[in-house]
Amino acid sequence: MIEFVMMLSMWGQTATGNWTYIGNQYVYNTPMTKEVCEKKINSKNWSIHQNNQYYRIQFDCMPVPKVKM
């Protein structure tokens, strides 16, 4: 089974209107199923307060790489 972790990353909007990753991220290091992770990142589960139209926080579910021993 593939496990996933929840990741929050910061993005900034360029002068041309494109969104670009600005280098900051937070990872919730508790592995979970994809379904559980997707439920956690659903915007209906969060209170969102955005005061700057040029920055945003993006929520993603990222697979945990398998470590070969």
Protein backbone atom coordinates (compact mmCIF):
# COMPACT_ATOMS: atom_id res chain seq x y z
CA MET A 1 0.00 0.00 0.00
CA ILE A 2 1.28 3.47 -0.88
CA GLU A 3 1.26 5.89 2.05
CA PHE A 4 0.95 9.66 1.77
CA VAL A 5 1.88 12.71 3.84
CA MET A 6 0.19 16.09 3.85
CA MET A 7 2.32 18.99 2.57
CA LEU A 8 1.67 22.73 2.78
CA SER A 9 3.76 24.91 0.47
CA MET A 10 4.04 28.65 -0.18
CA TRP A 11 3.50 30.10 -3.64
CA GLY A 12 3.88 33.62 -5.05
CA GLN A 13 2.35 35.18 -8.13
CA THR A 14 4.76 36.68 -10.66
CA ALA A 15 4.25 39.92 -12.57
CA THR A 16 2.99 37.84 -15.52
CA GLY A 17 0.34 36.16 -13.35
CA ASN A 18 2.05 32.76 -13.05
CA TRP A 19 2.25 31.01 -9.69
CA THR A 20 5.73 29.90 -8.60
CA TYR A 21 6.93 27.94 -5.57
CA ILE A 22 8.82 30.33 -3.26
CA GLY A 23 10.74 27.76 -1.24
CA ASN A 24 8.87 27.19 2.02
CA GLN A 25 6.96 24.04 2.88
CA TYR A 26 5.65 22.16 5.87
CA VAL A 27 5.15 18.39 5.89
CA TYR A 28 2.87 16.57 8.32
CA ASN A 29 5.07 13.50 8.81
CA THR A 30 2.32 11.05 9.75
CA PRO A 31 1.77 8.59 6.87
CA MET A 32 -1.85 7.98 5.89
CA THR A 33 -3.86 6.59 3.00
CA LYS A 34 -4.45 8.80 -0.01
CA GLU A 35 -8.16 8.96 0.81
CA VAL A 36 -7.54 10.18 4.38
CA CYS A 37 -4.99 12.73 3.19
CA GLU A 38 -7.31 14.09 0.50
CA LYS A 39 -10.08 14.45 3.08
CA LYS A 40 -7.74 16.39 5.39
CA ILE A 41 -6.67 18.85 2.68
CA ASN A 42 -10.21 19.48 1.44
CA SER A 43 -10.84 23.23 1.67
CA LYS A 44 -14.16 22.58 3.43
CA ASN A 45 -12.15 21.44 6.48
CA TRP A 46 -10.16 24.68 6.83
CA SER A 47 -10.84 28.30 7.73
CA ILE A 48 -8.97 30.26 5.09
CA HIS A 49 -7.87 33.86 5.66
CA GLN A 50 -6.10 35.30 2.62
CA ASN A 51 -5.11 38.95 2.87
CA ASN A 52 -2.56 39.12 0.05
CA GLN A 53 -3.61 38.18 -3.48
CA TYR A 54 0.01 37.60 -4.52
CA TYR A 55 0.74 34.76 -2.07
CA ARG A 56 -1.04 31.50 -1.32
CA ILE A 57 -0.62 28.28 0.59
CA GLN A 58 -1.12 25.09 -1.39
CA PHE A 59 -2.13 21.78 0.18
CA ASP A 60 -0.97 18.53 -1.42
CA CYS A 61 -0.82 14.81 -0.65
CA MET A 62 2.61 13.42 -1.49
CA PRO A 63 3.51 9.72 -1.65
CA VAL A 64 6.04 8.50 0.89
CA PRO A 65 9.01 6.98 -0.96
CA LYS A 66 9.72 3.35 -0.23
CA VAL A 67 13.13 2.87 1.37
CA LYS A 68 15.02 -0.17 0.08
CA MET A 69 17.09 -1.99 2.67
